[in-house]
Amino acid sequence: MPERMNTFAKLTAATLVMAGILICVGWQFRIGFLKGEMLGTFISPNAALLFVLFGLSCLLQLRAKGAFLLNAGRLVGLVVVVFAGALIVEDLFHLNLGIDARFFQHRMSDWTAKSPPGRPHFPTLVAFFIAGIGAVTIRIRRAGSLSDWCATLIGVISYLSLIGYLYGLNVLYGGETLHTAFLMALVATTLYAGRSELGIAQIISSTEAGGVVFRRVVAAIVLLMPLFGFISIHAQQTSVIGFEMGTVLLVVVTVFVFTAISAHTATVLNVLDAQRKRAEEQLVRSEKLAAAGRLSATIAHEVNNPLASVMNLLYLAQTANSSQKTMGYIRSADTELKRASSIIKRTLGFYKDEANPEDLSLSELVKEVLDLNESLLKSQIQVNAHFYSPGAVYARAGEIRQIIGNLLGNAIDAVQGYEEPEITITVQEMSDGVVELSVGDNGSGVPRENLEQIFAPFFTTKKDVGTGLGLYVSRQLAEKNGGALRVESSTIKRFAGTRFMLTLPLAAPVTLGQKQGATES
């Protein structure tokens, strides 16, 4: 979308350049249509020149690949500021600096306006002065929203001119021509679109709900309201209807139109919201499939070890030369099978999506996940687990296991290949009525620029593995269970590492006590 808006800004800037050139051609060859005389007035040569300079300034900056064109564009924008400013000084202090009629001096005999020859109307000069400032700052990020403000002020001047012209109120447009007002609206549009990745252009061009509402409501207010007012006033002036009836009809039509627009907008927003929810559900399902795949690999690894031992023990039992040795081998095989059975039982409910939350011990859930990864952790990684409380929470067991599995899996990946890999896990009750699970590692840490996106969908720093959905889904599941998931990280060598904090609401003491009593009985 920013690229599309940038292209649109180039198009409007080029249109302004072309319009200015055509106006100059009209003056040179005395072509009334090109001068804008079809509405009983005309656009001055100086206004045409300023339109050309403004459009050229924006085009140079929007097309710039290096500093030369960028600075050249800003310089042209500065010329607009100085030229318009000089004409404003002339107008305010009734001076004649000899610059009004310099451009197209040989055609000033055609000047028929009341203002001095060559001088645009005052509102036009003010708009050009502001436009020049906007052109100078259009590609300067540190200028903040100055360009947006300039565009807004020009838009206001242009809109007042159009309204004043429509209702015949000279005080609103100060003699500015209708075609000049339209071109000024194009100037404001160029400034807005030129800052496509910043400011109000993001809202205008956004496909999100805010952008949809803004475009529909503002278009109705800006275009329909003046039109209704004009129709009402015209009907009253021609004695078609009286003042009271005209006012009543204006109010009724306005209410009906805006109600219809609001209803249609609400329908569109509902559709967008439903699409967003479906997309989120699909992301969660995708991550659950990926998590199930990781779990399957872990189970296969864990179960394979005792099964391999059973096969070896049965072979030894078959080749043993005494019944005592055979029984010993069979007993060992039985122990290994029980171990495999225990692993499978612990993993049966890992990613089952329980419909209702229940009282859970966060510490026990962490232990289950650690047990599942026991062989990998013991052989390669030092794990420091601290359980300062049972961590009684009210949540969905399968979803919390999935979060813990994701956090532990990320920690394992973060310390792979380090000389002294270490993971620290802590469960403790906090003073604000929540239980916090902390999973930290001593890996290289996450750079600041990545830390800001770490919970975004499809963002991953793992080139060969990972869907980029684990942390995004984990945060969604944490919030679904009334909790939160945060991260802190450091890349400083002595303090490098990352720590994720999962907080969940503490289970109600009465409910927990009743549950414990029932268990003990």
Protein backbone atom coordinates (compact mmCIF):
# COMPACT_ATOMS: atom_id res chain seq x y z
CA MET A 1 0.00 0.00 0.00
CA PRO A 2 2.77 2.61 0.72
CA GLU A 3 4.24 1.96 -2.76
CA ARG A 4 0.80 2.43 -4.33
CA MET A 5 0.33 5.72 -2.46
CA ASN A 6 3.82 6.85 -3.52
CA THR A 7 2.95 6.15 -7.15
CA PHE A 8 -0.30 8.09 -6.70
CA ALA A 9 1.65 11.04 -5.28
CA LYS A 10 3.93 11.03 -8.34
CA LEU A 11 0.87 11.01 -10.59
CA THR A 12 -0.79 13.97 -8.85
CA ALA A 13 2.50 15.91 -8.82
CA ALA A 14 2.95 15.28 -12.54
CA THR A 15 -0.66 16.41 -13.10
CA LEU A 16 0.07 19.70 -11.34
CA VAL A 17 3.16 20.24 -13.49
CA MET A 18 1.18 19.50 -16.65
CA ALA A 19 -1.72 21.75 -15.56
CA GLY A 20 0.68 24.63 -14.87
CA ILE A 21 2.34 24.23 -18.25
CA LEU A 22 -1.04 24.16 -20.06
CA ILE A 23 -2.11 27.36 -18.27
CA CYS A 24 1.11 29.04 -19.41
CA VAL A 25 0.44 27.84 -22.96
CA GLY A 26 -3.03 29.36 -22.68
CA TRP A 27 -1.55 32.73 -21.69
CA GLN A 28 1.11 32.60 -24.37
CA PHE A 29 -1.30 31.84 -27.22
CA ARG A 30 -4.33 33.59 -25.70
CA ILE A 31 -6.35 30.37 -25.45
CA GLY A 32 -9.12 31.20 -23.03
CA PHE A 33 -10.05 27.59 -22.27
CA LEU A 34 -6.49 26.77 -21.11
CA LYS A 35 -6.32 29.97 -19.05
CA GLY A 36 -9.47 28.89 -17.23
CA GLU A 37 -11.73 31.63 -18.58
CA MET A 38 -14.73 29.30 -19.00
CA LEU A 39 -16.03 30.33 -15.55
CA GLY A 40 -15.68 34.06 -16.15
CA THR A 41 -12.22 34.39 -14.61
CA PHE A 42 -8.73 32.94 -15.10
CA ILE A 43 -5.68 31.45 -13.35
CA SER A 44 -2.73 33.86 -13.19
CA PRO A 45 0.63 33.00 -14.81
CA ASN A 46 2.35 33.23 -11.41
CA ALA A 47 -0.10 30.69 -9.95
CA ALA A 48 0.65 28.41 -12.92
CA LEU A 49 4.40 28.82 -12.30
CA LEU A 50 3.99 27.95 -8.62
CA PHE A 51 1.97 24.84 -9.50
CA VAL A 52 4.78 23.73 -11.82
CA LEU A 53 7.49 24.39 -9.20
CA PHE A 54 5.56 22.61 -6.44
CA GLY A 55 4.87 19.57 -8.62
CA LEU A 56 8.50 19.47 -9.78
CA SER A 57 9.75 19.69 -6.18
CA CYS A 58 7.62 16.71 -5.14
CA LEU A 59 8.51 14.67 -8.25
CA LEU A 60 12.26 15.14 -7.72
CA GLN A 61 12.02 14.01 -4.09
CA LEU A 62 9.64 11.11 -4.68
CA ARG A 63 11.82 9.75 -7.49
CA ALA A 64 15.11 10.44 -5.71
CA LYS A 65 17.50 7.52 -5.28
CA GLY A 66 20.31 9.65 -3.91
CA ALA A 67 21.00 12.93 -2.13
CA PHE A 68 21.35 15.07 -5.28
CA LEU A 69 17.75 14.81 -6.53
CA LEU A 70 16.44 14.98 -2.96
CA ASN A 71 18.26 18.23 -2.23
CA ALA A 72 17.33 19.61 -5.66
CA GLY A 73 13.67 18.96 -4.92
CA ARG A 74 13.92 20.68 -1.54
CA LEU A 75 15.61 23.66 -3.17
CA VAL A 76 12.76 24.00 -5.68
CA GLY A 77 10.28 23.77 -2.78
CA LEU A 78 12.18 26.57 -1.03
CA VAL A 79 11.82 28.71 -4.17
CA VAL A 80 8.03 28.24 -3.87
CA VAL A 81 8.16 29.42 -0.24
CA VAL A 82 10.25 32.51 -1.06
CA PHE A 83 8.27 33.49 -4.18
CA ALA A 84 4.85 33.07 -2.51
CA GLY A 85 6.15 34.82 0.62
CA ALA A 86 7.33 37.82 -1.40
CA LEU A 87 3.94 38.13 -3.10
CA ILE A 88 2.20 37.91 0.31
CA VAL A 89 4.40 40.75 1.64
CA GLU A 90 3.46 42.83 -1.41
CA ASP A 91 -0.23 42.18 -0.85
CA LEU A 92 -0.22 42.80 2.91
CA PHE A 93 1.78 46.03 2.85
CA HIS A 94 0.47 47.27 -0.52
CA LEU A 95 3.94 47.29 -2.01
CA ASN A 96 5.11 46.95 -5.56
CA LEU A 97 8.43 45.09 -5.61
CA GLY A 98 8.22 44.62 -9.33
CA ILE A 99 7.86 40.83 -9.17
CA ASP A 100 4.14 40.46 -9.85
CA ALA A 101 4.32 41.07 -13.58
CA ARG A 102 7.81 39.70 -14.27
CA PHE A 103 6.55 36.31 -15.44
CA PHE A 104 4.66 36.65 -18.75
CA GLN A 105 5.16 40.41 -18.69
CA HIS A 106 4.35 40.54 -22.39
CA ARG A 107 0.83 39.25 -21.69
CA MET A 108 -0.06 41.49 -18.74
CA SER A 109 -2.10 43.64 -21.14
CA ASP A 110 -4.64 40.79 -21.05
CA TRP A 111 -5.04 41.13 -17.26
CA THR A 112 -8.66 41.98 -16.37
CA ALA A 113 -8.81 41.19 -12.63
CA LYS A 114 -9.06 43.88 -9.94
CA SER A 115 -5.81 42.75 -8.28
CA PRO A 116 -2.45 44.11 -9.53
CA PRO A 117 -1.36 42.50 -12.84
CA GLY A 118 0.11 39.02 -12.33
CA ARG A 119 -0.77 38.74 -8.64
CA PRO A 120 -2.84 35.70 -7.54
CA HIS A 121 -5.54 36.16 -4.92
CA PHE A 122 -4.41 36.27 -1.29
CA PRO A 123 -5.84 32.83 -0.23
CA THR A 124 -3.98 31.28 -3.18
CA LEU A 125 -0.70 32.91 -2.10
CA VAL A 126 -1.12 31.67 1.48
CA ALA A 127 -1.86 28.16 0.21
CA PHE A 128 1.27 28.21 -2.00
CA PHE A 129 3.44 29.44 0.89
CA ILE A 130 2.21 26.54 3.04
CA ALA A 131 2.57 24.13 0.10
CA GLY A 132 6.21 25.13 -0.32
CA ILE A 133 6.90 24.31 3.34
CA GLY A 134 5.14 20.97 2.89
CA ALA A 135 7.20 20.23 -0.23
CA VAL A 136 10.47 20.97 1.59
CA THR A 137 9.57 18.61 4.47
CA ILE A 138 7.73 15.88 2.56
CA ARG A 139 10.61 13.37 2.78
CA ILE A 140 12.10 14.49 6.11
CA ARG A 141 11.17 11.99 8.82
CA ARG A 142 12.35 14.14 11.69
CA ALA A 143 10.00 16.90 10.53
CA GLY A 144 7.26 14.84 12.14
CA SER A 145 3.77 15.60 10.87
CA LEU A 146 4.59 19.10 9.53
CA SER A 147 3.89 18.05 5.95
CA ASP A 148 0.56 16.55 7.04
CA TRP A 149 -0.38 19.79 8.78
CA CYS A 150 0.53 21.76 5.66
CA ALA A 151 -1.64 19.46 3.55
CA THR A 152 -4.51 19.87 6.03
CA LEU A 153 -4.31 23.67 5.98
CA ILE A 154 -4.21 23.71 2.17
CA GLY A 155 -7.17 21.32 2.14
CA VAL A 156 -9.11 23.67 4.44
CA ILE A 157 -8.35 26.69 2.22
CA SER A 158 -9.35 24.74 -0.88
CA TYR A 159 -12.53 23.40 0.73
CA LEU A 160 -13.61 26.83 2.00
CA SER A 161 -13.05 28.23 -1.48
CA LEU A 162 -15.21 25.51 -3.02
CA ILE A 163 -17.96 25.99 -0.42
CA GLY A 164 -17.80 29.77 -0.79
CA TYR A 165 -18.03 29.48 -4.56
CA LEU A 166 -20.91 27.02 -4.31
CA TYR A 167 -22.92 29.24 -1.95
CA GLY A 168 -21.81 32.55 -3.49
CA LEU A 169 -19.99 33.74 -0.35
CA ASN A 170 -17.00 35.78 -1.50
CA VAL A 171 -15.77 36.11 2.10
CA LEU A 172 -14.87 32.40 2.10
CA TYR A 173 -12.89 32.26 -1.12
CA GLY A 174 -11.59 35.81 -1.49
CA GLY A 175 -11.91 35.80 -5.25
CA GLU A 176 -10.01 32.54 -5.73
CA THR A 177 -11.15 30.73 -8.87
CA LEU A 178 -12.94 27.41 -8.76
CA HIS A 179 -10.28 25.66 -10.88
CA THR A 180 -7.53 27.02 -8.61
CA ALA A 181 -9.35 25.54 -5.61
CA PHE A 182 -9.49 22.15 -7.35
CA LEU A 183 -5.78 22.29 -8.14
CA MET A 184 -5.07 23.24 -4.51
CA ALA A 185 -6.99 20.16 -3.41
CA LEU A 186 -4.62 18.22 -5.68
CA VAL A 187 -1.66 19.88 -3.93
CA ALA A 188 -2.97 18.71 -0.53
CA THR A 189 -3.51 15.21 -1.92
CA THR A 190 0.08 15.11 -3.21
CA LEU A 191 1.47 16.02 0.21
CA TYR A 192 -0.68 13.42 1.95
CA ALA A 193 0.16 10.63 -0.49
CA GLY A 194 3.84 11.56 -0.63
CA ARG A 195 4.18 10.59 3.01
CA SER A 196 2.55 7.20 2.30
CA GLU A 197 4.33 5.34 5.10
CA LEU A 198 3.72 8.07 7.66
CA GLY A 199 0.98 10.18 9.19
CA ILE A 200 -2.60 10.47 8.01
CA ALA A 201 -1.83 8.78 4.66
CA GLN A 202 -1.63 5.51 6.58
CA ILE A 203 -5.20 6.01 7.80
CA ILE A 204 -6.54 7.09 4.43
CA SER A 205 -4.95 4.19 2.52
CA SER A 206 -5.35 1.55 5.23
CA THR A 207 -7.41 -1.56 4.55
CA GLU A 208 -8.01 -1.93 8.28
CA ALA A 209 -11.31 -1.03 9.92
CA GLY A 210 -10.15 2.50 10.80
CA GLY A 211 -9.27 3.29 7.20
CA VAL A 212 -12.60 1.96 5.94
CA VAL A 213 -14.60 4.07 8.41
CA PHE A 214 -12.52 7.17 7.74
CA ARG A 215 -12.92 7.02 3.97
CA ARG A 216 -16.66 6.36 4.05
CA VAL A 217 -17.65 8.83 6.74
CA VAL A 218 -15.35 11.67 5.69
CA ALA A 219 -16.38 11.35 2.04
CA ALA A 220 -20.02 11.61 3.06
CA ILE A 221 -19.42 14.62 5.30
CA VAL A 222 -17.20 16.51 2.86
CA LEU A 223 -19.21 15.87 -0.31
CA LEU A 224 -22.83 15.17 0.58
CA MET A 225 -23.44 17.76 3.30
CA PRO A 226 -22.51 20.79 1.13
CA LEU A 227 -24.53 19.31 -1.75
CA PHE A 228 -27.63 18.90 0.41
CA GLY A 229 -27.22 22.43 1.72
CA PHE A 230 -26.86 23.84 -1.79
CA ILE A 231 -29.98 22.03 -2.99
CA SER A 232 -31.94 23.23 0.03
CA ILE A 233 -30.87 26.87 -0.40
CA HIS A 234 -31.49 26.80 -4.16
CA ALA A 235 -34.98 25.35 -3.62
CA GLN A 236 -35.78 28.09 -1.10
CA GLN A 237 -34.43 30.87 -3.33
CA THR A 238 -36.55 29.69 -6.25
CA SER A 239 -39.61 29.55 -3.96
CA VAL A 240 -40.09 25.83 -4.56
CA ILE A 241 -40.31 25.30 -0.81
CA GLY A 242 -40.31 27.53 2.26
CA PHE A 243 -37.48 28.05 4.73
CA GLU A 244 -38.97 25.78 7.41
CA MET A 245 -39.75 22.98 4.97
CA GLY A 246 -36.27 23.29 3.39
CA THR A 247 -34.63 22.98 6.80
CA VAL A 248 -36.79 19.97 7.74
CA LEU A 249 -36.04 18.20 4.45
CA LEU A 250 -32.32 18.90 4.84
CA VAL A 251 -32.30 17.38 8.33
CA VAL A 252 -34.39 14.33 7.30
CA VAL A 253 -32.32 13.57 4.19
CA THR A 254 -29.07 14.02 6.13
CA VAL A 255 -30.24 11.65 8.87
CA PHE A 256 -31.39 8.99 6.40
CA VAL A 257 -28.21 9.17 4.31
CA PHE A 258 -25.86 9.01 7.28
CA THR A 259 -27.86 6.20 8.85
CA ALA A 260 -27.57 4.21 5.60
CA ILE A 261 -23.83 4.92 5.41
CA SER A 262 -23.37 3.91 9.06
CA ALA A 263 -25.31 0.67 8.53
CA HIS A 264 -23.31 -0.22 5.43
CA THR A 265 -20.04 0.64 7.16
CA ALA A 266 -21.02 -1.50 10.16
CA THR A 267 -21.71 -4.42 7.78
CA VAL A 268 -18.28 -4.02 6.18
CA LEU A 269 -16.61 -3.86 9.60
CA ASN A 270 -18.43 -6.99 10.71
CA VAL A 271 -17.19 -8.82 7.61
CA LEU A 272 -13.63 -7.62 8.22
CA ASP A 273 -13.83 -8.65 11.87
CA ALA A 274 -15.15 -12.11 10.94
CA GLN A 275 -12.34 -12.53 8.39
CA ARG A 276 -9.77 -11.50 11.01
CA LYS A 277 -11.13 -14.01 13.52
CA ARG A 278 -11.10 -16.80 10.93
CA ALA A 279 -7.52 -15.94 10.00
CA GLU A 280 -6.48 -16.03 13.67
CA GLU A 281 -8.19 -19.39 14.16
CA GLN A 282 -6.36 -20.78 11.12
CA LEU A 283 -3.05 -19.52 12.50
CA VAL A 284 -3.75 -21.19 15.84
CA ARG A 285 -4.63 -24.47 14.09
CA SER A 286 -1.47 -24.27 11.98
CA GLU A 287 0.68 -23.76 15.04
CA LYS A 288 -1.06 -26.63 16.85
CA LEU A 289 -0.24 -28.91 13.93
CA ALA A 290 3.38 -27.75 14.03
CA ALA A 291 3.46 -28.25 17.80
CA ALA A 292 1.97 -31.71 17.41
CA GLY A 293 4.71 -32.51 14.91
CA ARG A 294 7.40 -31.39 17.34
CA LEU A 295 5.72 -33.41 20.10
CA SER A 296 5.60 -36.51 17.90
CA ALA A 297 9.32 -36.20 17.21
CA THR A 298 10.04 -35.82 20.93
CA ILE A 299 7.86 -38.80 21.87
CA ALA A 300 9.47 -40.94 19.19
CA HIS A 301 12.91 -40.05 20.54
CA GLU A 302 11.94 -40.68 24.16
CA VAL A 303 10.07 -43.94 23.51
CA ASN A 304 12.75 -45.28 21.18
CA ASN A 305 15.34 -45.48 23.98
CA PRO A 306 13.41 -47.84 26.31
CA LEU A 307 12.16 -49.91 23.34
CA ALA A 308 15.73 -50.33 22.10
CA SER A 309 16.69 -51.45 25.61
CA VAL A 310 13.78 -53.93 25.66
CA MET A 311 14.90 -55.47 22.37
CA ASN A 312 18.45 -55.87 23.67
CA LEU A 313 17.24 -57.36 26.97
CA LEU A 314 14.94 -59.86 25.20
CA TYR A 315 17.84 -60.95 22.99
CA LEU A 316 20.01 -61.43 26.05
CA ALA A 317 17.20 -63.36 27.76
CA GLN A 318 16.94 -65.71 24.78
CA THR A 319 20.68 -66.40 24.80
CA ALA A 320 21.11 -66.58 28.58
CA ASN A 321 22.45 -69.88 29.93
CA SER A 322 20.56 -69.73 33.23
CA SER A 323 16.98 -69.08 34.26
CA GLN A 324 18.14 -66.60 36.91
CA LYS A 325 19.78 -64.36 34.28
CA THR A 326 16.75 -64.75 32.01
CA MET A 327 14.39 -63.54 34.76
CA GLY A 328 16.70 -60.59 35.50
CA TYR A 329 16.65 -59.56 31.84
CA ILE A 330 12.85 -59.88 31.71
CA ARG A 331 12.44 -57.77 34.86
CA SER A 332 14.68 -55.07 33.34
CA ALA A 333 12.65 -55.24 30.12
CA ASP A 334 9.46 -54.84 32.15
CA THR A 335 10.91 -51.71 33.80
CA GLU A 336 11.79 -50.22 30.42
CA LEU A 337 8.28 -50.95 29.06
CA LYS A 338 6.73 -49.26 32.09
CA ARG A 339 8.96 -46.27 31.41
CA ALA A 340 7.75 -46.13 27.80
CA SER A 341 4.14 -46.47 28.96
CA SER A 342 4.64 -43.61 31.44
CA ILE A 343 5.99 -41.34 28.71
CA ILE A 344 3.02 -42.06 26.46
CA LYS A 345 0.50 -41.46 29.28
CA ARG A 346 2.11 -38.11 30.14
CA THR A 347 1.84 -36.94 26.54
CA LEU A 348 -1.70 -38.11 25.73
CA GLY A 349 -3.34 -34.85 26.80
CA PHE A 350 -0.59 -32.44 25.90
CA TYR A 351 -2.31 -30.68 23.00
CA LYS A 352 -5.86 -31.67 23.70
CA ASP A 353 -8.02 -28.53 23.53
CA GLU A 354 -10.08 -28.69 26.72
CA ALA A 355 -13.41 -26.90 26.34
CA ASN A 356 -13.43 -25.53 29.90
CA PRO A 357 -10.68 -24.19 32.17
CA GLU A 358 -9.90 -25.89 35.46
CA ASP A 359 -7.70 -25.52 38.54
CA LEU A 360 -4.15 -26.48 37.64
CA SER A 361 -0.74 -26.57 39.24
CA LEU A 362 1.58 -24.62 36.94
CA SER A 363 4.57 -26.28 38.60
CA GLU A 364 3.24 -29.76 37.77
CA LEU A 365 2.63 -28.78 34.15
CA VAL A 366 6.21 -27.50 33.88
CA LYS A 367 7.52 -30.75 35.39
CA GLU A 368 5.55 -32.78 32.84
CA VAL A 369 7.11 -30.84 29.96
CA LEU A 370 10.57 -31.17 31.52
CA ASP A 371 10.08 -34.92 31.98
CA LEU A 372 9.16 -35.28 28.33
CA ASN A 373 12.44 -33.61 27.33
CA GLU A 374 14.44 -35.24 30.11
CA SER A 375 17.02 -37.14 28.07
CA LEU A 376 17.80 -34.19 25.79
CA LEU A 377 18.13 -31.74 28.67
CA LYS A 378 20.21 -33.98 30.93
CA SER A 379 22.66 -34.93 28.24
CA GLN A 380 23.21 -31.48 26.75
CA ILE A 381 21.76 -28.61 28.81
CA GLN A 382 21.93 -27.58 32.46
CA VAL A 383 18.41 -26.90 33.74
CA ASN A 384 17.83 -24.89 36.92
CA ALA A 385 14.21 -25.32 37.96
CA HIS A 386 12.85 -23.42 40.97
CA PHE A 387 9.29 -24.03 42.13
CA TYR A 388 8.57 -21.59 44.94
CA SER A 389 4.85 -22.43 44.95
CA PRO A 390 2.47 -24.92 43.33
CA GLY A 391 1.39 -22.05 41.11
CA ALA A 392 -2.32 -22.82 41.26
CA VAL A 393 -4.01 -21.23 38.23
CA TYR A 394 -7.42 -21.45 36.56
CA ALA A 395 -6.80 -22.23 32.88
CA ARG A 396 -6.98 -24.83 30.09
CA ALA A 397 -4.31 -27.46 30.68
CA GLY A 398 -3.66 -28.33 27.01
CA GLU A 399 -3.18 -24.69 26.02
CA ILE A 400 -0.86 -23.93 28.93
CA ARG A 401 1.20 -27.04 28.13
CA GLN A 402 1.49 -25.76 24.57
CA ILE A 403 2.79 -22.39 25.79
CA ILE A 404 5.31 -24.05 28.12
CA GLY A 405 6.43 -26.39 25.35
CA ASN A 406 6.95 -23.46 22.98
CA LEU A 407 8.93 -21.45 25.53
CA LEU A 408 11.10 -24.42 26.51
CA GLY A 409 11.64 -25.34 22.85
CA ASN A 410 12.75 -21.79 22.05
CA ALA A 411 15.13 -21.79 25.03
CA ILE A 412 16.63 -25.12 23.90
CA ASP A 413 17.12 -23.75 20.37
CA ALA A 414 18.67 -20.53 21.77
CA VAL A 415 21.44 -22.34 23.68
CA GLN A 416 22.26 -24.99 21.09
CA GLY A 417 25.98 -24.99 20.26
CA TYR A 418 27.07 -22.99 23.33
CA GLU A 419 29.83 -24.30 25.61
CA GLU A 420 27.84 -24.11 28.86
CA PRO A 421 24.17 -24.05 27.83
CA GLU A 422 21.84 -23.23 30.68
CA ILE A 423 18.08 -22.80 31.08
CA THR A 424 16.49 -21.36 34.21
CA ILE A 425 12.81 -21.98 34.98
CA THR A 426 10.98 -20.38 37.88
CA VAL A 427 7.37 -20.63 39.09
CA GLN A 428 6.27 -18.26 41.84
CA GLU A 429 3.21 -16.42 43.09
CA MET A 430 3.36 -12.64 42.72
CA SER A 431 1.91 -10.00 45.00
CA ASP A 432 -0.65 -8.80 42.42
CA GLY A 433 -2.69 -12.02 42.37
CA VAL A 434 -0.95 -13.78 39.50
CA VAL A 435 1.41 -16.70 39.07
CA GLU A 436 4.52 -16.08 36.99
CA LEU A 437 6.37 -18.69 34.99
CA SER A 438 9.79 -17.50 33.90
CA VAL A 439 11.81 -19.35 31.23
CA GLY A 440 15.28 -17.91 30.67
CA ASP A 441 18.37 -18.94 28.71
CA ASN A 442 21.98 -17.82 28.41
CA GLY A 443 21.98 -17.68 24.62
CA SER A 444 23.09 -14.75 22.48
CA GLY A 445 19.92 -12.71 23.15
CA VAL A 446 17.52 -11.05 20.75
CA PRO A 447 18.54 -7.79 19.01
CA ARG A 448 16.37 -4.76 19.79
CA GLU A 449 15.00 -4.51 16.24
CA ASN A 450 13.84 -8.16 16.39
CA LEU A 451 12.53 -7.88 19.94
CA GLU A 452 9.85 -5.43 18.78
CA GLN A 453 8.52 -8.00 16.27
CA ILE A 454 9.04 -11.19 18.23
CA PHE A 455 5.32 -11.76 18.85
CA ALA A 456 4.30 -10.91 15.27
CA PRO A 457 2.91 -13.79 13.17
CA PHE A 458 5.37 -15.47 10.78
CA PHE A 459 8.34 -13.61 12.25
CA THR A 460 11.21 -16.00 13.00
CA THR A 461 14.98 -15.86 13.28
CA LYS A 462 15.29 -19.63 12.71
CA LYS A 463 16.28 -20.06 9.08
CA ASP A 464 15.93 -23.82 8.82
CA VAL A 465 13.14 -24.56 11.30
CA GLY A 466 10.18 -22.75 12.78
CA THR A 467 6.92 -21.42 11.39
CA GLY A 468 7.10 -18.01 13.04
CA LEU A 469 3.79 -18.72 14.77
CA GLY A 470 4.88 -20.24 18.10
CA LEU A 471 5.22 -17.04 20.13
CA TYR A 472 2.31 -15.35 18.36
CA VAL A 473 -0.01 -18.25 19.21
CA SER A 474 1.46 -18.54 22.71
CA ARG A 475 0.58 -14.92 23.44
CA GLN A 476 -2.94 -15.45 22.01
CA LEU A 477 -3.43 -18.52 24.23
CA ALA A 478 -2.07 -16.67 27.27
CA GLU A 479 -4.53 -13.81 26.76
CA LYS A 480 -7.34 -16.30 26.09
CA ASN A 481 -6.68 -17.76 29.56
CA GLY A 482 -6.67 -14.32 31.19
CA GLY A 483 -2.89 -14.00 31.32
CA ALA A 484 -0.05 -12.24 29.52
CA LEU A 485 3.25 -13.15 27.89
CA ARG A 486 6.21 -10.74 28.00
CA VAL A 487 9.86 -10.90 27.01
CA GLU A 488 13.11 -9.24 27.98
CA SER A 489 16.48 -9.83 26.37
CA SER A 490 20.06 -8.61 26.32
CA THR A 491 22.77 -8.98 23.70
CA ILE A 492 25.55 -7.62 25.92
CA LYS A 493 28.14 -10.39 26.10
CA ARG A 494 28.36 -10.75 29.90
CA PHE A 495 24.59 -10.54 30.38
CA ALA A 496 23.38 -12.08 27.12
CA GLY A 497 20.22 -14.12 27.20
CA THR A 498 16.45 -14.02 26.88
CA ARG A 499 13.70 -14.45 29.45
CA PHE A 500 10.00 -15.01 28.78
CA MET A 501 7.48 -14.32 31.55
CA LEU A 502 4.05 -15.99 31.45
CA THR A 503 1.61 -14.62 34.03
CA LEU A 504 -1.73 -16.27 34.76
CA PRO A 505 -4.43 -15.39 37.30
CA LEU A 506 -4.19 -17.19 40.63
CA ALA A 507 -6.91 -19.80 41.18
CA ALA A 508 -9.57 -18.97 43.75
CA PRO A 509 -8.38 -20.27 47.15
CA VAL A 510 -11.80 -21.70 48.04
CA THR A 511 -12.04 -23.66 44.81
CA LEU A 512 -8.50 -24.93 45.21
CA GLY A 513 -9.09 -25.94 48.81
CA GLN A 514 -12.22 -27.84 47.88
CA LYS A 515 -10.34 -29.60 45.12
CA GLN A 516 -7.47 -30.57 47.45
CA GLY A 517 -9.90 -31.83 50.08
CA ALA A 518 -11.66 -33.98 47.53
CA THR A 519 -8.33 -35.36 46.33
CA GLU A 520 -7.13 -36.23 49.86
CA SER A 521 -10.37 -38.01 50.74
